Each structure stands twice: as structure tokens, then as C-alpha cells.
Amino acid sequence: SSEYGSFTDPRDGKTYKTVKIGNQVWMAENLNYNIGSGSWCYDDNSSNCNKYGRLYDWEAAKKACPAGWHLPSKSEFETLLNNYGGEGSNAYNALIPSGSSGFSALFGGWRNSDGDFYVIGSYGRFWSSSPSDSNSAWHLYVSGNLKSADVDDDNRSVGFSVRCLQD
């Protein structure tokens, strides 16, 4: 019994679908706010931003969500996964666009620190606000190849998608 809504970002007027899952209200689309330095469109093509949102490095991701919303922590992503039995294939099946959750995880690919873009359409990786060590941070990894959703860590300089969680 997902509850759907919408939110308009006052900074640029873009409207995002939202969905309530458990006690959390999530944006049901990838954030597409141009924060400037540290955010990119896949292949530097604006049509990819319109469909998949922007890719952000970790520092930019932490500042990208609008007022009243925040970049989710590792534990908040784990709470999301735990609605569907935790990490694995059940969570994957619930979180993808055809899934039961309404989260509609888009496979926006990623950008490496050299500026190369990879595997749009194959998986989505979504930054959390939680550091894992001095160089890395945690993210939600929804893999179309592995048919799995889990929490993983990666270097803070790479570009991942962002989903904002309501405060």
C-alpha cells in the first residue's frame, strides 16, 4: 500500500514523484539538480539528466538535496532494504521500476574519477551520507546484472545518482 505524492524543488521548479515506504518518504526519481562542480550528466548529455538525473561525487551529493530532504544514511538505506527482507534479490525486485515498492530505482550508471562514464541501463548506485573510511563512502547498489540490491562502499570521487529522503 504505497502512498504516492510529488514534491517541487523550489530551487529550479523541477517536480519529483515521491513514495512512502514504511515510515520513510523517498523521492521516486533520481535527483536532477545542477549543484555545479561535482555533478554531471551521463556522457555530458543533458537528455540523460532528464531521464536518469545527475551523477554526483560524494561531497556534492551531501549538499544536493533540497531543504526538507536529505541524503540518506547507510542505516536509512538498510531500513529501506529491510522492508523487503534485507539485501538481495527480493529487495532488487521490489526496488526496480516494475517492482512493488514504487521506489523505481533507475539504472543511471556511474562516472569514474577520470571522467569516464559506464554502464547506464545496467545498474544504479545511490550515495549515502555515511563515510566508510577516509576515502570512501557507503551507497545503495542496485545491480541489474546480479539482480541484487545491497549496500556497498566506493571512492568518494566517483559520480553516483542521488535519491533524497524526507526529513
N, C-alpha and C. Protein backbone atom coordinates (compact mmCIF):
# COMPACT_ATOMS: atom_id res chain seq x y z
N SER A 1 0.85 -1.19 0.00
CA SER A 1 0.00 0.00 0.00
C SER A 1 0.89 1.25 0.00
N SER A 2 1.62 1.41 -1.07
CA SER A 2 2.49 2.58 -1.18
C SER A 2 1.64 3.84 -1.31
N GLU A 3 2.12 4.92 -0.74
CA GLU A 3 1.45 6.21 -0.87
C GLU A 3 2.30 7.11 -1.75
N TYR A 4 1.71 7.57 -2.83
CA TYR A 4 2.44 8.38 -3.80
C TYR A 4 2.11 9.85 -3.63
N GLY A 5 3.07 10.69 -3.98
CA GLY A 5 2.87 12.12 -3.94
C GLY A 5 3.84 12.78 -4.89
N SER A 6 4.05 14.07 -4.69
CA SER A 6 5.05 14.77 -5.50
C SER A 6 5.62 15.92 -4.70
N PHE A 7 6.77 16.39 -5.12
CA PHE A 7 7.47 17.48 -4.47
C PHE A 7 8.11 18.34 -5.56
N THR A 8 7.92 19.65 -5.47
CA THR A 8 8.55 20.56 -6.41
C THR A 8 9.73 21.25 -5.74
N ASP A 9 10.89 21.09 -6.33
CA ASP A 9 12.12 21.69 -5.80
C ASP A 9 12.05 23.20 -6.03
N PRO A 10 12.00 24.00 -4.96
CA PRO A 10 11.86 25.44 -5.15
C PRO A 10 13.07 26.08 -5.81
N ARG A 11 14.20 25.38 -5.84
CA ARG A 11 15.42 25.97 -6.41
C ARG A 11 15.35 26.08 -7.92
N ASP A 12 14.70 25.12 -8.58
CA ASP A 12 14.67 25.15 -10.04
C ASP A 12 13.30 24.80 -10.63
N GLY A 13 12.31 24.53 -9.77
CA GLY A 13 10.96 24.25 -10.24
C GLY A 13 10.72 22.85 -10.74
N LYS A 14 11.73 21.95 -10.64
CA LYS A 14 11.51 20.57 -11.08
C LYS A 14 10.63 19.84 -10.07
N THR A 15 9.72 19.02 -10.60
CA THR A 15 8.82 18.24 -9.75
C THR A 15 9.24 16.77 -9.78
N TYR A 16 9.27 16.17 -8.61
CA TYR A 16 9.67 14.77 -8.43
C TYR A 16 8.51 13.99 -7.85
N LYS A 17 8.31 12.77 -8.36
CA LYS A 17 7.39 11.84 -7.72
C LYS A 17 7.99 11.42 -6.38
N THR A 18 7.10 11.19 -5.41
CA THR A 18 7.55 10.67 -4.12
C THR A 18 6.75 9.43 -3.78
N VAL A 19 7.32 8.62 -2.88
CA VAL A 19 6.61 7.41 -2.45
C VAL A 19 6.93 7.16 -0.97
N LYS A 20 5.90 6.79 -0.21
CA LYS A 20 6.09 6.42 1.18
C LYS A 20 6.28 4.91 1.27
N ILE A 21 7.40 4.50 1.86
CA ILE A 21 7.71 3.08 2.04
C ILE A 21 8.00 2.88 3.52
N GLY A 22 7.15 2.13 4.20
CA GLY A 22 7.28 2.04 5.65
C GLY A 22 7.05 3.43 6.24
N ASN A 23 7.99 3.89 7.06
CA ASN A 23 7.87 5.22 7.66
C ASN A 23 8.69 6.27 6.90
N GLN A 24 9.25 5.88 5.78
CA GLN A 24 10.12 6.78 5.02
C GLN A 24 9.40 7.33 3.79
N VAL A 25 9.64 8.60 3.48
CA VAL A 25 9.16 9.19 2.23
C VAL A 25 10.38 9.48 1.35
N TRP A 26 10.42 8.81 0.20
CA TRP A 26 11.54 8.88 -0.73
C TRP A 26 11.15 9.64 -1.99
N MET A 27 12.10 10.32 -2.61
CA MET A 27 11.91 10.71 -4.00
C MET A 27 11.93 9.44 -4.84
N ALA A 28 10.96 9.32 -5.73
CA ALA A 28 10.83 8.13 -6.57
C ALA A 28 11.46 8.36 -7.95
N GLU A 29 12.28 9.40 -8.03
CA GLU A 29 13.06 9.70 -9.23
C GLU A 29 14.45 10.13 -8.77
N ASN A 30 15.43 10.02 -9.67
CA ASN A 30 16.78 10.45 -9.33
C ASN A 30 16.86 11.97 -9.35
N LEU A 31 17.59 12.52 -8.39
CA LEU A 31 17.73 13.97 -8.32
C LEU A 31 18.41 14.51 -9.58
N ASN A 32 17.87 15.63 -10.08
CA ASN A 32 18.43 16.28 -11.27
C ASN A 32 18.60 17.77 -10.98
N TYR A 33 19.36 18.07 -9.93
CA TYR A 33 19.62 19.46 -9.58
C TYR A 33 21.09 19.76 -9.88
N ASN A 34 21.32 20.79 -10.68
CA ASN A 34 22.69 21.14 -11.06
C ASN A 34 23.32 21.95 -9.94
N ILE A 35 24.11 21.27 -9.12
CA ILE A 35 24.76 21.93 -8.00
C ILE A 35 26.06 22.60 -8.44
N GLY A 36 26.43 22.40 -9.73
CA GLY A 36 27.67 22.97 -10.23
C GLY A 36 28.78 21.95 -10.14
N SER A 37 29.91 22.36 -9.59
CA SER A 37 31.09 21.49 -9.52
C SER A 37 30.75 20.19 -8.80
N GLY A 38 31.20 19.06 -9.36
CA GLY A 38 30.96 17.77 -8.73
C GLY A 38 29.67 17.10 -9.16
N SER A 39 29.01 17.62 -10.19
CA SER A 39 27.84 16.91 -10.73
C SER A 39 27.85 16.95 -12.25
N TRP A 40 27.34 15.89 -12.84
CA TRP A 40 27.45 15.69 -14.28
C TRP A 40 26.20 15.01 -14.84
N CYS A 41 25.94 15.23 -16.12
CA CYS A 41 25.04 14.37 -16.89
C CYS A 41 25.86 13.24 -17.48
N TYR A 42 25.27 12.04 -17.53
CA TYR A 42 25.95 10.90 -18.15
C TYR A 42 26.34 11.26 -19.58
N ASP A 43 27.61 10.99 -19.93
CA ASP A 43 28.16 11.34 -21.25
C ASP A 43 28.05 12.84 -21.53
N ASP A 44 27.89 13.66 -20.48
CA ASP A 44 27.74 15.11 -20.63
C ASP A 44 26.60 15.47 -21.57
N ASN A 45 25.56 14.62 -21.56
CA ASN A 45 24.41 14.78 -22.44
C ASN A 45 23.18 15.11 -21.58
N SER A 46 22.59 16.29 -21.79
CA SER A 46 21.51 16.74 -20.91
C SER A 46 20.28 15.84 -20.99
N SER A 47 20.07 15.15 -22.10
CA SER A 47 18.91 14.27 -22.18
C SER A 47 19.04 13.12 -21.18
N ASN A 48 20.27 12.71 -20.88
CA ASN A 48 20.47 11.68 -19.85
C ASN A 48 20.11 12.22 -18.47
N CYS A 49 20.41 13.49 -18.20
CA CYS A 49 20.00 14.09 -16.93
C CYS A 49 18.49 14.11 -16.80
N ASN A 50 17.79 14.41 -17.90
CA ASN A 50 16.33 14.49 -17.85
C ASN A 50 15.72 13.14 -17.50
N LYS A 51 16.34 12.06 -17.97
CA LYS A 51 15.79 10.73 -17.72
C LYS A 51 16.33 10.12 -16.42
N TYR A 52 17.64 10.22 -16.21
CA TYR A 52 18.30 9.49 -15.12
C TYR A 52 18.75 10.38 -13.97
N GLY A 53 18.53 11.69 -14.05
CA GLY A 53 19.07 12.58 -13.05
C GLY A 53 20.56 12.79 -13.25
N ARG A 54 21.15 13.58 -12.38
CA ARG A 54 22.58 13.85 -12.46
C ARG A 54 23.37 12.83 -11.67
N LEU A 55 24.65 12.73 -11.98
CA LEU A 55 25.61 11.96 -11.19
C LEU A 55 26.41 12.96 -10.36
N TYR A 56 26.66 12.60 -9.10
CA TYR A 56 27.31 13.50 -8.14
C TYR A 56 28.48 12.80 -7.48
N ASP A 57 29.57 13.54 -7.24
CA ASP A 57 30.56 12.99 -6.32
C ASP A 57 30.02 13.15 -4.90
N TRP A 58 30.71 12.53 -3.93
CA TRP A 58 30.13 12.43 -2.60
C TRP A 58 29.97 13.79 -1.94
N GLU A 59 30.95 14.67 -2.10
CA GLU A 59 30.86 15.99 -1.48
C GLU A 59 29.68 16.77 -2.05
N ALA A 60 29.49 16.71 -3.37
CA ALA A 60 28.35 17.39 -4.00
C ALA A 60 27.04 16.75 -3.57
N ALA A 61 27.02 15.41 -3.49
CA ALA A 61 25.79 14.69 -3.12
C ALA A 61 25.30 15.12 -1.75
N LYS A 62 26.23 15.35 -0.83
CA LYS A 62 25.84 15.72 0.53
C LYS A 62 25.14 17.08 0.57
N LYS A 63 25.35 17.91 -0.45
CA LYS A 63 24.77 19.26 -0.47
C LYS A 63 23.63 19.40 -1.47
N ALA A 64 23.30 18.32 -2.19
CA ALA A 64 22.43 18.45 -3.37
C ALA A 64 20.94 18.42 -3.05
N CYS A 65 20.54 17.77 -1.97
CA CYS A 65 19.10 17.63 -1.68
C CYS A 65 18.51 18.97 -1.24
N PRO A 66 17.26 19.23 -1.61
CA PRO A 66 16.62 20.49 -1.23
C PRO A 66 16.28 20.54 0.25
N ALA A 67 15.97 21.73 0.75
CA ALA A 67 15.55 21.90 2.14
C ALA A 67 14.35 21.00 2.43
N GLY A 68 14.37 20.38 3.61
CA GLY A 68 13.32 19.45 4.00
C GLY A 68 13.60 18.02 3.60
N TRP A 69 14.71 17.81 2.89
CA TRP A 69 15.13 16.49 2.42
C TRP A 69 16.61 16.33 2.71
N HIS A 70 17.08 15.08 2.73
CA HIS A 70 18.50 14.86 2.99
C HIS A 70 19.00 13.63 2.26
N LEU A 71 20.31 13.58 2.11
CA LEU A 71 20.95 12.38 1.57
C LEU A 71 20.84 11.29 2.64
N PRO A 72 20.28 10.13 2.28
CA PRO A 72 20.06 9.09 3.30
C PRO A 72 21.37 8.55 3.86
N SER A 73 21.32 8.14 5.12
CA SER A 73 22.46 7.47 5.73
C SER A 73 22.48 6.00 5.32
N LYS A 74 23.59 5.34 5.60
CA LYS A 74 23.69 3.90 5.36
C LYS A 74 22.55 3.17 6.07
N SER A 75 22.29 3.53 7.33
CA SER A 75 21.24 2.81 8.07
C SER A 75 19.85 3.10 7.50
N GLU A 76 19.65 4.28 6.93
CA GLU A 76 18.35 4.56 6.31
C GLU A 76 18.16 3.74 5.04
N PHE A 77 19.24 3.51 4.27
CA PHE A 77 19.13 2.59 3.13
C PHE A 77 18.88 1.16 3.62
N GLU A 78 19.52 0.77 4.73
CA GLU A 78 19.29 -0.58 5.26
C GLU A 78 17.84 -0.75 5.71
N THR A 79 17.26 0.32 6.28
CA THR A 79 15.84 0.28 6.65
C THR A 79 14.98 0.05 5.42
N LEU A 80 15.30 0.75 4.32
CA LEU A 80 14.57 0.54 3.06
C LEU A 80 14.66 -0.92 2.62
N LEU A 81 15.88 -1.47 2.60
CA LEU A 81 16.07 -2.86 2.16
C LEU A 81 15.35 -3.83 3.09
N ASN A 82 15.34 -3.51 4.38
CA ASN A 82 14.73 -4.44 5.36
C ASN A 82 13.23 -4.57 5.19
N ASN A 83 12.59 -3.60 4.51
CA ASN A 83 11.17 -3.76 4.17
C ASN A 83 10.95 -4.94 3.25
N TYR A 84 12.01 -5.37 2.55
CA TYR A 84 11.91 -6.43 1.54
C TYR A 84 12.86 -7.58 1.86
N GLY A 85 13.13 -7.77 3.16
CA GLY A 85 13.93 -8.91 3.58
C GLY A 85 15.42 -8.66 3.63
N GLY A 86 15.85 -7.41 3.51
CA GLY A 86 17.28 -7.11 3.54
C GLY A 86 17.91 -7.19 2.17
N GLU A 87 19.24 -7.22 2.14
CA GLU A 87 19.97 -7.23 0.87
C GLU A 87 19.63 -8.47 0.06
N GLY A 88 19.64 -8.32 -1.28
CA GLY A 88 19.47 -9.49 -2.13
C GLY A 88 18.45 -9.29 -3.23
N SER A 89 17.95 -10.43 -3.73
CA SER A 89 17.11 -10.40 -4.93
C SER A 89 15.69 -9.92 -4.63
N ASN A 90 15.14 -10.20 -3.45
CA ASN A 90 13.79 -9.73 -3.15
C ASN A 90 13.75 -8.22 -3.12
N ALA A 91 14.76 -7.61 -2.49
CA ALA A 91 14.82 -6.15 -2.45
C ALA A 91 15.01 -5.60 -3.86
N TYR A 92 15.86 -6.24 -4.64
CA TYR A 92 16.05 -5.81 -6.03
C TYR A 92 14.72 -5.79 -6.78
N ASN A 93 13.98 -6.89 -6.67
CA ASN A 93 12.71 -6.99 -7.42
C ASN A 93 11.70 -5.95 -6.96
N ALA A 94 11.76 -5.55 -5.68
CA ALA A 94 10.84 -4.54 -5.17
C ALA A 94 11.24 -3.12 -5.59
N LEU A 95 12.55 -2.87 -5.70
CA LEU A 95 13.04 -1.50 -5.89
C LEU A 95 13.14 -1.07 -7.35
N ILE A 96 13.21 -2.02 -8.29
CA ILE A 96 13.33 -1.65 -9.71
C ILE A 96 12.03 -1.02 -10.22
N PRO A 97 12.07 -0.36 -11.39
CA PRO A 97 10.88 0.37 -11.85
C PRO A 97 9.60 -0.45 -11.94
N SER A 98 9.69 -1.74 -12.27
CA SER A 98 8.48 -2.56 -12.35
C SER A 98 8.11 -3.17 -11.00
N GLY A 99 8.88 -2.83 -9.96
CA GLY A 99 8.71 -3.50 -8.67
C GLY A 99 7.58 -2.95 -7.83
N SER A 100 7.30 -3.66 -6.74
CA SER A 100 6.14 -3.37 -5.90
C SER A 100 6.31 -2.14 -5.02
N SER A 101 7.55 -1.67 -4.81
CA SER A 101 7.78 -0.65 -3.79
C SER A 101 7.39 0.75 -4.25
N GLY A 102 7.46 1.01 -5.56
CA GLY A 102 7.28 2.37 -6.05
C GLY A 102 8.57 3.19 -6.03
N PHE A 103 9.66 2.61 -5.55
CA PHE A 103 10.94 3.34 -5.47
C PHE A 103 11.51 3.61 -6.87
N SER A 104 11.30 2.67 -7.78
CA SER A 104 11.70 2.84 -9.20
C SER A 104 13.17 3.21 -9.38
N ALA A 105 14.05 2.36 -8.85
CA ALA A 105 15.49 2.62 -8.96
C ALA A 105 15.92 2.64 -10.42
N LEU A 106 16.39 3.78 -10.88
CA LEU A 106 16.82 3.91 -12.27
C LEU A 106 18.29 3.54 -12.40
N PHE A 107 18.61 2.89 -13.51
CA PHE A 107 19.98 2.44 -13.75
C PHE A 107 20.77 3.54 -14.44
N GLY A 108 21.22 4.51 -13.66
CA GLY A 108 21.87 5.70 -14.21
C GLY A 108 23.34 5.56 -14.49
N GLY A 109 23.92 4.37 -14.23
CA GLY A 109 25.34 4.20 -14.46
C GLY A 109 26.18 4.98 -13.47
N TRP A 110 27.46 5.23 -13.83
CA TRP A 110 28.33 5.98 -12.92
C TRP A 110 29.44 6.64 -13.71
N ARG A 111 30.15 7.53 -13.05
CA ARG A 111 31.28 8.26 -13.63
C ARG A 111 32.51 8.00 -12.77
N ASN A 112 33.62 7.62 -13.41
CA ASN A 112 34.83 7.41 -12.60
C ASN A 112 35.57 8.74 -12.42
N SER A 113 36.61 8.73 -11.60
CA SER A 113 37.29 9.98 -11.25
C SER A 113 38.08 10.56 -12.42
N ASP A 114 38.30 9.76 -13.48
CA ASP A 114 38.95 10.28 -14.68
C ASP A 114 37.97 10.93 -15.65
N GLY A 115 36.66 10.84 -15.34
CA GLY A 115 35.67 11.47 -16.19
C GLY A 115 35.06 10.55 -17.22
N ASP A 116 35.28 9.23 -17.08
CA ASP A 116 34.67 8.26 -18.00
C ASP A 116 33.35 7.77 -17.39
N PHE A 117 32.39 7.51 -18.28
CA PHE A 117 31.05 7.09 -17.85
C PHE A 117 30.85 5.62 -18.20
N TYR A 118 30.14 4.89 -17.34
CA TYR A 118 29.98 3.45 -17.51
C TYR A 118 28.56 2.98 -17.25
N VAL A 119 28.14 2.03 -18.03
CA VAL A 119 27.04 1.08 -17.83
C VAL A 119 25.70 1.72 -17.48
N ILE A 120 25.36 2.80 -18.15
CA ILE A 120 24.00 3.30 -17.99
C ILE A 120 23.04 2.20 -18.45
N GLY A 121 21.93 2.04 -17.75
CA GLY A 121 20.98 0.98 -18.09
C GLY A 121 21.27 -0.36 -17.45
N SER A 122 22.44 -0.51 -16.79
CA SER A 122 22.80 -1.79 -16.17
C SER A 122 22.65 -1.80 -14.66
N TYR A 123 22.98 -0.68 -14.01
CA TYR A 123 22.75 -0.61 -12.58
C TYR A 123 22.68 0.83 -12.11
N GLY A 124 22.15 0.97 -10.91
CA GLY A 124 22.08 2.27 -10.26
C GLY A 124 22.83 2.23 -8.95
N ARG A 125 23.57 3.30 -8.67
CA ARG A 125 24.30 3.41 -7.41
C ARG A 125 23.95 4.77 -6.82
N PHE A 126 23.56 4.76 -5.55
CA PHE A 126 22.97 5.94 -4.92
C PHE A 126 23.74 6.25 -3.63
N TRP A 127 24.35 7.44 -3.60
CA TRP A 127 25.17 7.80 -2.44
C TRP A 127 24.38 7.83 -1.14
N SER A 128 25.02 7.40 -0.06
CA SER A 128 24.55 7.70 1.29
C SER A 128 25.43 8.80 1.87
N SER A 129 25.01 9.32 3.01
CA SER A 129 25.78 10.36 3.69
C SER A 129 26.86 9.78 4.60
N SER A 130 26.96 8.46 4.65
CA SER A 130 27.82 7.80 5.65
C SER A 130 29.19 7.44 5.08
N PRO A 131 30.26 7.98 5.68
CA PRO A 131 31.60 7.57 5.26
C PRO A 131 31.90 6.13 5.67
N SER A 132 32.71 5.42 4.89
CA SER A 132 33.15 4.09 5.31
C SER A 132 34.60 4.12 5.78
N ASP A 133 35.42 4.97 5.17
CA ASP A 133 36.77 5.25 5.66
C ASP A 133 37.15 6.63 5.15
N SER A 134 38.42 7.00 5.24
CA SER A 134 38.79 8.38 4.91
C SER A 134 38.65 8.70 3.42
N ASN A 135 38.59 7.67 2.56
CA ASN A 135 38.49 7.91 1.11
C ASN A 135 37.17 7.47 0.50
N SER A 136 36.39 6.71 1.23
CA SER A 136 35.22 6.05 0.66
C SER A 136 33.96 6.37 1.45
N ALA A 137 32.82 6.06 0.83
CA ALA A 137 31.53 6.24 1.49
C ALA A 137 30.58 5.14 1.02
N TRP A 138 29.54 4.92 1.82
CA TRP A 138 28.56 3.87 1.53
C TRP A 138 27.55 4.33 0.49
N HIS A 139 27.03 3.38 -0.27
CA HIS A 139 25.96 3.67 -1.23
C HIS A 139 25.06 2.45 -1.38
N LEU A 140 23.86 2.71 -1.88
CA LEU A 140 22.94 1.64 -2.27
C LEU A 140 23.27 1.23 -3.69
N TYR A 141 23.49 -0.06 -3.90
CA TYR A 141 23.91 -0.60 -5.20
C TYR A 141 22.79 -1.52 -5.69
N VAL A 142 22.12 -1.12 -6.77
CA VAL A 142 21.03 -1.91 -7.34
C VAL A 142 21.52 -2.41 -8.69
N SER A 143 21.86 -3.69 -8.75
CA SER A 143 22.55 -4.25 -9.91
C SER A 143 21.61 -5.07 -10.79
N GLY A 144 21.42 -4.62 -12.04
CA GLY A 144 20.63 -5.38 -12.99
C GLY A 144 21.31 -6.66 -13.42
N ASN A 145 22.65 -6.69 -13.38
CA ASN A 145 23.39 -7.90 -13.77
C ASN A 145 23.26 -8.98 -12.70
N LEU A 146 23.43 -8.57 -11.44
CA LEU A 146 23.38 -9.53 -10.33
C LEU A 146 21.95 -9.76 -9.84
N LYS A 147 21.00 -8.91 -10.29
CA LYS A 147 19.61 -8.96 -9.80
C LYS A 147 19.61 -8.90 -8.27
N SER A 148 20.35 -7.92 -7.74
CA SER A 148 20.51 -7.82 -6.31
C SER A 148 20.57 -6.35 -5.91
N ALA A 149 20.13 -6.06 -4.70
CA ALA A 149 20.27 -4.72 -4.11
C ALA A 149 20.99 -4.87 -2.79
N ASP A 150 22.03 -4.07 -2.59
CA ASP A 150 22.77 -4.14 -1.33
C ASP A 150 23.44 -2.81 -1.05
N VAL A 151 24.11 -2.74 0.09
CA VAL A 151 24.86 -1.55 0.46
C VAL A 151 26.35 -1.87 0.31
N ASP A 152 27.07 -1.00 -0.38
CA ASP A 152 28.48 -1.22 -0.69
C ASP A 152 29.19 0.11 -0.48
N ASP A 153 30.53 0.09 -0.57
CA ASP A 153 31.24 1.36 -0.48
C ASP A 153 32.13 1.57 -1.69
N ASP A 154 32.44 2.83 -1.96
CA ASP A 154 33.29 3.17 -3.10
C ASP A 154 33.93 4.52 -2.85
N ASN A 155 34.90 4.85 -3.70
CA ASN A 155 35.66 6.09 -3.56
C ASN A 155 34.75 7.30 -3.68
N ARG A 156 34.98 8.31 -2.84
CA ARG A 156 34.13 9.49 -2.78
C ARG A 156 34.21 10.36 -4.04
N SER A 157 35.21 10.12 -4.87
CA SER A 157 35.40 10.99 -6.05
C SER A 157 34.56 10.55 -7.25
N VAL A 158 33.95 9.35 -7.19
CA VAL A 158 33.20 8.87 -8.34
C VAL A 158 31.80 9.48 -8.34
N GLY A 159 31.15 9.45 -9.50
CA GLY A 159 29.83 10.04 -9.66
C GLY A 159 28.73 9.00 -9.61
N PHE A 160 27.83 9.13 -8.63
CA PHE A 160 26.69 8.24 -8.48
C PHE A 160 25.40 9.07 -8.48
N SER A 161 24.29 8.38 -8.60
CA SER A 161 22.98 9.02 -8.51
C SER A 161 22.65 9.38 -7.07
N VAL A 162 21.61 10.23 -6.91
CA VAL A 162 21.15 10.64 -5.59
C VAL A 162 19.63 10.49 -5.50
N ARG A 163 19.18 9.85 -4.42
CA ARG A 163 17.78 9.85 -4.03
C ARG A 163 17.68 10.55 -2.69
N CYS A 164 16.81 11.53 -2.59
CA CYS A 164 16.65 12.26 -1.34
C CYS A 164 15.54 11.63 -0.51
N LEU A 165 15.72 11.72 0.81
CA LEU A 165 14.78 11.19 1.78
C LEU A 165 14.23 12.36 2.59
N GLN A 166 12.91 12.37 2.79
CA GLN A 166 12.30 13.48 3.51
C GLN A 166 12.72 13.49 4.98
N ASP A 167 13.00 14.69 5.49
CA ASP A 167 13.43 14.84 6.88
C ASP A 167 12.32 14.39 7.84
